[in-house]
């Protein structure tokens, strides 16, 4: 294991042990205890979730937070819920993932040149972390951004992801208004691509289509080769 990978693993362990946000920890543990009927025979993860993927990634995807019955159940970001189904299908079609499904930690999924993380590391009630929780968790996102030092393209899934990652990558530029599909030029030839989050609220209503989502990752691929 490289020193770089080891540092990310150490950070992952630190994230998993975090107890800074009582409301979030209480929610994660409650959900893990009660479970959804479909998952009654499973053991929920019930702890904070670190990022996942290629430690040398040139593309980093930032989401909002773990899903209560997705990552909070499986222990891997965007795994085991509808949002993850959309994300990993798109990554597979774009050549960034070896398979189109992400169901559990030992399903064989491997990401190619991509790392996925989120602004808040614990599943929040109603998918709504408060400002204090976002601020507390920003320390971990800062650390991930520092360790992922090969990044050329950032992808923010939703407005909260944009707000969370912008202080780390935006320099002195004012934060851009969120617009799906927009590309923001950063310093040193890097870029940020904005996308609607693949939540059921967006995908069920047609606000985000698979064609629109695929275009985001085509832009990312083009930015790497351009």
C-alpha atoms as a PDB file:
ATOM      1  CA  UNK A   1       0.000   0.000   0.000  1.00  0.00           C
ATOM      2  CA  UNK A   2       1.315   3.456  -0.905  1.00  0.00           C
ATOM      3  CA  UNK A   3       1.794   6.165   1.704  1.00  0.00           C
ATOM      4  CA  UNK A   4      -0.967   8.119  -0.044  1.00  0.00           C
ATOM      5  CA  UNK A   5      -3.453   5.253   0.285  1.00  0.00           C
ATOM      6  CA  UNK A   6      -2.424   4.689   3.887  1.00  0.00           C
ATOM      7  CA  UNK A   7      -3.192   8.311   4.771  1.00  0.00           C
ATOM      8  CA  UNK A   8      -6.639   8.048   3.212  1.00  0.00           C
ATOM      9  CA  UNK A   9      -7.246   4.850   5.167  1.00  0.00           C
ATOM     10  CA  UNK A  10      -6.209   6.592   8.380  1.00  0.00           C
ATOM     11  CA  UNK A  11      -8.623   9.404   7.600  1.00  0.00           C
ATOM     12  CA  UNK A  12     -11.364   6.861   6.920  1.00  0.00           C
ATOM     13  CA  UNK A  13     -10.800   5.340  10.357  1.00  0.00           C
ATOM     14  CA  UNK A  14     -10.956   8.787  11.943  1.00  0.00           C
ATOM     15  CA  UNK A  15     -14.226   9.578  10.155  1.00  0.00           C
ATOM     16  CA  UNK A  16     -15.774   6.288  11.249  1.00  0.00           C
ATOM     17  CA  UNK A  17     -15.040   7.067  14.894  1.00  0.00           C
ATOM     18  CA  UNK A  18     -16.443  10.618  14.808  1.00  0.00           C
ATOM     19  CA  UNK A  19     -19.052  11.517  17.453  1.00  0.00           C
ATOM     20  CA  UNK A  20     -19.166  15.305  17.020  1.00  0.00           C
ATOM     21  CA  UNK A  21     -22.824  15.628  15.960  1.00  0.00           C
ATOM     22  CA  UNK A  22     -25.178  14.058  18.548  1.00  0.00           C
ATOM     23  CA  UNK A  23     -28.314  14.519  16.432  1.00  0.00           C
ATOM     24  CA  UNK A  24     -26.790  12.738  13.445  1.00  0.00           C
ATOM     25  CA  UNK A  25     -25.274   9.940  15.496  1.00  0.00           C
ATOM     26  CA  UNK A  26     -28.602   9.371  17.267  1.00  0.00           C
ATOM     27  CA  UNK A  27     -30.414   9.197  13.919  1.00  0.00           C
ATOM     28  CA  UNK A  28     -27.922   6.764  12.350  1.00  0.00           C
ATOM     29  CA  UNK A  29     -28.062   4.436  15.345  1.00  0.00           C
ATOM     30  CA  UNK A  30     -31.866   4.598  15.525  1.00  0.00           C
ATOM     31  CA  UNK A  31     -32.222   3.714  11.839  1.00  0.00           C
ATOM     32  CA  UNK A  32     -29.685   0.909  12.197  1.00  0.00           C
ATOM     33  CA  UNK A  33     -31.674  -0.510  15.101  1.00  0.00           C
ATOM     34  CA  UNK A  34     -35.162  -0.168  13.630  1.00  0.00           C
ATOM     35  CA  UNK A  35     -34.224  -1.024  10.014  1.00  0.00           C
ATOM     36  CA  UNK A  36     -36.468  -0.994   6.986  1.00  0.00           C
ATOM     37  CA  UNK A  37     -38.670  -4.059   6.616  1.00  0.00           C
ATOM     38  CA  UNK A  38     -36.888  -5.130   3.430  1.00  0.00           C
ATOM     39  CA  UNK A  39     -33.571  -5.217   5.304  1.00  0.00           C
ATOM     40  CA  UNK A  40     -34.637  -6.734   8.621  1.00  0.00           C
ATOM     41  CA  UNK A  41     -32.119  -9.562   8.334  1.00  0.00           C
ATOM     42  CA  UNK A  42     -29.170  -7.279   7.593  1.00  0.00           C
ATOM     43  CA  UNK A  43     -26.720  -5.698  10.007  1.00  0.00           C
ATOM     44  CA  UNK A  44     -26.651  -1.948   9.383  1.00  0.00           C
ATOM     45  CA  UNK A  45     -23.364  -0.057   9.343  1.00  0.00           C
ATOM     46  CA  UNK A  46     -24.786   2.786  11.435  1.00  0.00           C
ATOM     47  CA  UNK A  47     -21.538   4.808  11.554  1.00  0.00           C
ATOM     48  CA  UNK A  48     -20.096   7.800   9.672  1.00  0.00           C
ATOM     49  CA  UNK A  49     -19.131   7.109   6.057  1.00  0.00           C
ATOM     50  CA  UNK A  50     -15.786   7.974   4.479  1.00  0.00           C
ATOM     51  CA  UNK A  51     -15.113   8.501   0.806  1.00  0.00           C
ATOM     52  CA  UNK A  52     -14.524   5.615  -1.598  1.00  0.00           C
ATOM     53  CA  UNK A  53     -12.588   5.047  -4.795  1.00  0.00           C
ATOM     54  CA  UNK A  54      -9.242   5.541  -6.499  1.00  0.00           C
ATOM     55  CA  UNK A  55      -6.789   7.373  -4.168  1.00  0.00           C
ATOM     56  CA  UNK A  56      -5.064   8.803  -7.256  1.00  0.00           C
ATOM     57  CA  UNK A  57      -8.310   9.911  -8.876  1.00  0.00           C
ATOM     58  CA  UNK A  58      -8.421  12.851 -11.249  1.00  0.00           C
ATOM     59  CA  UNK A  59     -12.204  13.113 -10.826  1.00  0.00           C
ATOM     60  CA  UNK A  60     -13.840  13.625  -7.437  1.00  0.00           C
ATOM     61  CA  UNK A  61     -17.618  13.461  -6.993  1.00  0.00           C
ATOM     62  CA  UNK A  62     -19.120  15.218  -3.982  1.00  0.00           C
ATOM     63  CA  UNK A  63     -22.607  14.366  -2.759  1.00  0.00           C
ATOM     64  CA  UNK A  64     -24.701  15.574   0.170  1.00  0.00           C
ATOM     65  CA  UNK A  65     -24.708  12.822   2.808  1.00  0.00           C
ATOM     66  CA  UNK A  66     -25.159   9.049   3.266  1.00  0.00           C
ATOM     67  CA  UNK A  67     -28.665   7.671   2.748  1.00  0.00           C
ATOM     68  CA  UNK A  68     -30.361   6.353   5.888  1.00  0.00           C
ATOM     69  CA  UNK A  69     -31.058   2.941   4.328  1.00  0.00           C
ATOM     70  CA  UNK A  70     -28.309   3.156   1.702  1.00  0.00           C
ATOM     71  CA  UNK A  71     -24.795   3.967   2.886  1.00  0.00           C
ATOM     72  CA  UNK A  72     -25.883   3.970   6.536  1.00  0.00           C
ATOM     73  CA  UNK A  73     -26.859   0.334   5.943  1.00  0.00           C
ATOM     74  CA  UNK A  74     -24.097  -0.855   3.635  1.00  0.00           C
ATOM     75  CA  UNK A  75     -21.114   1.163   4.850  1.00  0.00           C
ATOM     76  CA  UNK A  76     -20.196   2.628   1.447  1.00  0.00           C
ATOM     77  CA  UNK A  77     -21.198   5.959  -0.003  1.00  0.00           C
ATOM     78  CA  UNK A  78     -23.999   5.864  -2.629  1.00  0.00           C
ATOM     79  CA  UNK A  79     -24.434   2.132  -2.119  1.00  0.00           C
ATOM     80  CA  UNK A  80     -27.699   0.295  -1.652  1.00  0.00           C
ATOM     81  CA  UNK A  81     -30.195   2.973  -2.664  1.00  0.00           C
ATOM     82  CA  UNK A  82     -31.786   4.497  -5.769  1.00  0.00           C
ATOM     83  CA  UNK A  83     -29.370   7.422  -5.936  1.00  0.00           C
ATOM     84  CA  UNK A  84     -26.484   4.977  -6.046  1.00  0.00           C
ATOM     85  CA  UNK A  85     -28.173   2.965  -8.775  1.00  0.00           C
ATOM     86  CA  UNK A  86     -28.242   6.045 -10.965  1.00  0.00           C
ATOM     87  CA  UNK A  87     -24.698   7.115 -10.110  1.00  0.00           C
ATOM     88  CA  UNK A  88     -22.948   3.798 -10.682  1.00  0.00           C
ATOM     89  CA  UNK A  89     -24.855   3.068 -13.896  1.00  0.00           C
ATOM     90  CA  UNK A  90     -23.655   6.416 -15.213  1.00  0.00           C
ATOM     91  CA  UNK A  91     -20.085   5.811 -14.046  1.00  0.00           C
ATOM     92  CA  UNK A  92     -20.058   2.394 -15.672  1.00  0.00           C
ATOM     93  CA  UNK A  93     -21.345   3.768 -18.966  1.00  0.00           C
ATOM     94  CA  UNK A  94     -18.646   6.463 -18.854  1.00  0.00           C
ATOM     95  CA  UNK A  95     -15.891   3.924 -18.137  1.00  0.00           C
ATOM     96  CA  UNK A  96     -15.232   5.091 -14.576  1.00  0.00           C
ATOM     97  CA  UNK A  97     -16.534   1.922 -12.861  1.00  0.00           C
ATOM     98  CA  UNK A  98     -16.067  -1.767 -13.641  1.00  0.00           C
ATOM     99  CA  UNK A  99     -19.738  -2.571 -12.997  1.00  0.00           C
ATOM    100  CA  UNK A 100     -23.083  -0.790 -13.006  1.00  0.00           C
ATOM    101  CA  UNK A 101     -24.236  -1.818  -9.526  1.00  0.00           C
ATOM    102  CA  UNK A 102     -23.119  -1.031  -5.984  1.00  0.00           C
ATOM    103  CA  UNK A 103     -24.920  -3.195  -3.451  1.00  0.00           C
ATOM    104  CA  UNK A 104     -22.523  -3.974  -0.593  1.00  0.00           C
ATOM    105  CA  UNK A 105     -18.879  -3.679   0.462  1.00  0.00           C
ATOM    106  CA  UNK A 106     -17.798  -6.988  -1.098  1.00  0.00           C
ATOM    107  CA  UNK A 107     -19.627  -6.758  -4.435  1.00  0.00           C
ATOM    108  CA  UNK A 108     -16.411  -6.336  -6.466  1.00  0.00           C
ATOM    109  CA  UNK A 109     -17.015  -2.722  -7.458  1.00  0.00           C
ATOM    110  CA  UNK A 110     -13.885  -0.813  -8.468  1.00  0.00           C
ATOM    111  CA  UNK A 111     -13.725   2.819  -9.510  1.00  0.00           C
ATOM    112  CA  UNK A 112     -11.297   3.954 -12.205  1.00  0.00           C
ATOM    113  CA  UNK A 113      -9.804   7.428 -11.788  1.00  0.00           C
ATOM    114  CA  UNK A 114     -12.778   8.492  -9.616  1.00  0.00           C
ATOM    115  CA  UNK A 115     -13.244   9.094  -5.900  1.00  0.00           C
ATOM    116  CA  UNK A 116     -16.679   9.656  -4.336  1.00  0.00           C
ATOM    117  CA  UNK A 117     -17.324  11.475  -1.093  1.00  0.00           C
ATOM    118  CA  UNK A 118     -19.944  13.668   0.560  1.00  0.00           C
ATOM    119  CA  UNK A 119     -20.191  16.911   2.500  1.00  0.00           C
ATOM    120  CA  UNK A 120     -21.689  15.332   5.636  1.00  0.00           C
ATOM    121  CA  UNK A 121     -20.481  11.890   6.715  1.00  0.00           C
ATOM    122  CA  UNK A 122     -23.552  10.766   8.716  1.00  0.00           C
ATOM    123  CA  UNK A 123     -27.068  10.174   7.427  1.00  0.00           C
ATOM    124  CA  UNK A 124     -29.188  13.176   8.483  1.00  0.00           C
ATOM    125  CA  UNK A 125     -32.921  13.078   9.289  1.00  0.00           C
ATOM    126  CA  UNK A 126     -34.927  13.848   6.120  1.00  0.00           C
ATOM    127  CA  UNK A 127     -31.609  14.276   4.270  1.00  0.00           C
ATOM    128  CA  UNK A 128     -31.245  17.722   5.845  1.00  0.00           C
ATOM    129  CA  UNK A 129     -28.098  18.386   7.876  1.00  0.00           C
ATOM    130  CA  UNK A 130     -28.080  21.738   9.645  1.00  0.00           C
ATOM    131  CA  UNK A 131     -25.443  24.442   9.211  1.00  0.00           C
ATOM    132  CA  UNK A 132     -23.568  23.539  12.376  1.00  0.00           C
ATOM    133  CA  UNK A 133     -23.316  19.891  11.306  1.00  0.00           C
ATOM    134  CA  UNK A 134     -22.079  20.886   7.859  1.00  0.00           C
ATOM    135  CA  UNK A 135     -19.464  23.159   9.425  1.00  0.00           C
ATOM    136  CA  UNK A 136     -18.249  20.469  11.838  1.00  0.00           C
ATOM    137  CA  UNK A 137     -17.919  17.939   9.035  1.00  0.00           C
ATOM    138  CA  UNK A 138     -16.078  20.355   6.750  1.00  0.00           C
ATOM    139  CA  UNK A 139     -12.850  19.363   8.509  1.00  0.00           C
ATOM    140  CA  UNK A 140     -13.053  15.898   6.950  1.00  0.00           C
ATOM    141  CA  UNK A 141     -13.867  17.220   3.497  1.00  0.00           C
ATOM    142  CA  UNK A 142     -10.883  19.569   3.805  1.00  0.00           C
ATOM    143  CA  UNK A 143      -8.641  16.632   4.643  1.00  0.00           C
ATOM    144  CA  UNK A 144      -9.936  14.579   1.713  1.00  0.00           C
ATOM    145  CA  UNK A 145      -9.365  17.495  -0.651  1.00  0.00           C
ATOM    146  CA  UNK A 146      -5.785  17.826   0.598  1.00  0.00           C
ATOM    147  CA  UNK A 147      -5.006  14.128   0.200  1.00  0.00           C
ATOM    148  CA  UNK A 148      -6.636  13.780  -3.224  1.00  0.00           C
ATOM    149  CA  UNK A 149      -3.912  15.822  -4.855  1.00  0.00           C
ATOM    150  CA  UNK A 150      -4.250  14.548  -8.436  1.00  0.00           C
ATOM    151  CA  UNK A 151      -7.733  15.984  -8.946  1.00  0.00           C
ATOM    152  CA  UNK A 152      -8.420  17.820 -12.188  1.00  0.00           C
ATOM    153  CA  UNK A 153     -12.223  17.692 -12.212  1.00  0.00           C
ATOM    154  CA  UNK A 154     -14.640  18.143  -9.317  1.00  0.00           C
ATOM    155  CA  UNK A 155     -18.312  17.201  -9.699  1.00  0.00           C
ATOM    156  CA  UNK A 156     -20.798  18.667  -7.215  1.00  0.00           C
ATOM    157  CA  UNK A 157     -24.077  16.777  -6.966  1.00  0.00           C
ATOM    158  CA  UNK A 158     -26.534  19.428  -5.829  1.00  0.00           C
ATOM    159  CA  UNK A 159     -26.429  22.844  -4.217  1.00  0.00           C
ATOM    160  CA  UNK A 160     -25.269  21.697  -0.776  1.00  0.00           C
ATOM    161  CA  UNK A 161     -22.351  19.851  -2.372  1.00  0.00           C
ATOM    162  CA  UNK A 162     -21.409  23.045  -4.203  1.00  0.00           C
ATOM    163  CA  UNK A 163     -21.565  25.057  -0.978  1.00  0.00           C
ATOM    164  CA  UNK A 164     -19.528  22.432   0.858  1.00  0.00           C
ATOM    165  CA  UNK A 165     -16.702  22.027  -1.615  1.00  0.00           C
ATOM    166  CA  UNK A 166     -16.403  25.587  -2.913  1.00  0.00           C
ATOM    167  CA  UNK A 167     -14.324  26.989   0.015  1.00  0.00           C
ATOM    168  CA  UNK A 168     -11.746  24.249  -0.678  1.00  0.00           C
ATOM    169  CA  UNK A 169     -11.442  24.729  -4.437  1.00  0.00           C
ATOM    170  CA  UNK A 170     -12.817  28.135  -5.377  1.00  0.00           C
ATOM    171  CA  UNK A 171      -9.928  30.327  -4.287  1.00  0.00           C
ATOM    172  CA  UNK A 172     -10.951  33.986  -4.305  1.00  0.00           C
ATOM    173  CA  UNK A 173     -13.728  33.551  -6.871  1.00  0.00           C
ATOM    174  CA  UNK A 174     -17.303  34.200  -5.719  1.00  0.00           C
ATOM    175  CA  UNK A 175     -19.307  31.000  -5.463  1.00  0.00           C
ATOM    176  CA  UNK A 176     -21.210  30.418  -8.716  1.00  0.00           C
ATOM    177  CA  UNK A 177     -24.953  30.033  -8.838  1.00  0.00           C
ATOM    178  CA  UNK A 178     -25.982  26.417  -9.095  1.00  0.00           C
ATOM    179  CA  UNK A 179     -27.031  25.349 -12.591  1.00  0.00           C
ATOM    180  CA  UNK A 180     -27.137  21.771 -13.800  1.00  0.00           C
ATOM    181  CA  UNK A 181     -24.485  21.065 -16.400  1.00  0.00           C
ATOM    182  CA  UNK A 182     -22.513  24.240 -15.778  1.00  0.00           C
ATOM    183  CA  UNK A 183     -18.724  24.086 -15.841  1.00  0.00           C
ATOM    184  CA  UNK A 184     -16.656  26.427 -13.705  1.00  0.00           C
ATOM    185  CA  UNK A 185     -12.990  27.026 -14.503  1.00  0.00           C
ATOM    186  CA  UNK A 186     -10.716  26.831 -11.470  1.00  0.00           C
ATOM    187  CA  UNK A 187      -7.046  27.613 -11.000  1.00  0.00           C
ATOM    188  CA  UNK A 188      -4.239  25.446 -12.385  1.00  0.00           C
ATOM    189  CA  UNK A 189      -6.377  24.154 -15.240  1.00  0.00           C
ATOM    190  CA  UNK A 190      -8.864  22.410 -12.967  1.00  0.00           C
ATOM    191  CA  UNK A 191     -12.635  22.581 -13.327  1.00  0.00           C
ATOM    192  CA  UNK A 192     -15.879  22.055 -11.458  1.00  0.00           C
ATOM    193  CA  UNK A 193     -18.973  20.532 -13.057  1.00  0.00           C
ATOM    194  CA  UNK A 194     -22.395  21.029 -11.460  1.00  0.00           C
ATOM    195  CA  UNK A 195     -25.119  18.386 -11.565  1.00  0.00           C
ATOM    196  CA  UNK A 196     -28.462  17.768  -9.979  1.00  0.00           C
ATOM    197  CA  UNK A 197     -28.237  15.132  -7.277  1.00  0.00           C
ATOM    198  CA  UNK A 198     -29.617  11.746  -8.457  1.00  0.00           C
ATOM    199  CA  UNK A 199     -32.163  11.734  -5.618  1.00  0.00           C
ATOM    200  CA  UNK A 200     -35.575  10.199  -6.153  1.00  0.00           C
ATOM    201  CA  UNK A 201     -37.030  13.684  -5.888  1.00  0.00           C
ATOM    202  CA  UNK A 202     -35.078  14.631  -9.016  1.00  0.00           C
ATOM    203  CA  UNK A 203     -35.135  11.362 -10.959  1.00  0.00           C
ATOM    204  CA  UNK A 204     -38.789  10.428 -10.391  1.00  0.00           C
ATOM    205  CA  UNK A 205     -39.951  13.863 -11.519  1.00  0.00           C
ATOM    206  CA  UNK A 206     -37.761  13.945 -14.612  1.00  0.00           C
ATOM    207  CA  UNK A 207     -35.801  16.933 -13.378  1.00  0.00           C
ATOM    208  CA  UNK A 208     -32.737  14.753 -13.887  1.00  0.00           C
ATOM    209  CA  UNK A 209     -32.735  12.198 -16.712  1.00  0.00           C
ATOM    210  CA  UNK A 210     -30.104   9.561 -17.433  1.00  0.00           C
ATOM    211  CA  UNK A 211     -29.228  11.410 -20.623  1.00  0.00           C
ATOM    212  CA  UNK A 212     -28.582  14.587 -18.608  1.00  0.00           C
ATOM    213  CA  UNK A 213     -26.537  12.660 -16.058  1.00  0.00           C
ATOM    214  CA  UNK A 214     -24.460  10.927 -18.729  1.00  0.00           C
ATOM    215  CA  UNK A 215     -23.607  14.298 -20.205  1.00  0.00           C
ATOM    216  CA  UNK A 216     -22.030  15.346 -16.904  1.00  0.00           C
ATOM    217  CA  UNK A 217     -19.588  12.448 -17.035  1.00  0.00           C
ATOM    218  CA  UNK A 218     -18.877  12.965 -20.706  1.00  0.00           C
ATOM    219  CA  UNK A 219     -17.858  16.500 -19.791  1.00  0.00           C
ATOM    220  CA  UNK A 220     -15.590  15.129 -17.093  1.00  0.00           C
ATOM    221  CA  UNK A 221     -13.951  12.714 -19.538  1.00  0.00           C
ATOM    222  CA  UNK A 222     -13.468  15.478 -22.082  1.00  0.00           C
ATOM    223  CA  UNK A 223     -11.870  17.731 -19.475  1.00  0.00           C
ATOM    224  CA  UNK A 224      -9.294  15.041 -18.737  1.00  0.00           C
ATOM    225  CA  UNK A 225      -8.358  14.552 -22.372  1.00  0.00           C
ATOM    226  CA  UNK A 226      -8.681  18.160 -23.518  1.00  0.00           C
END
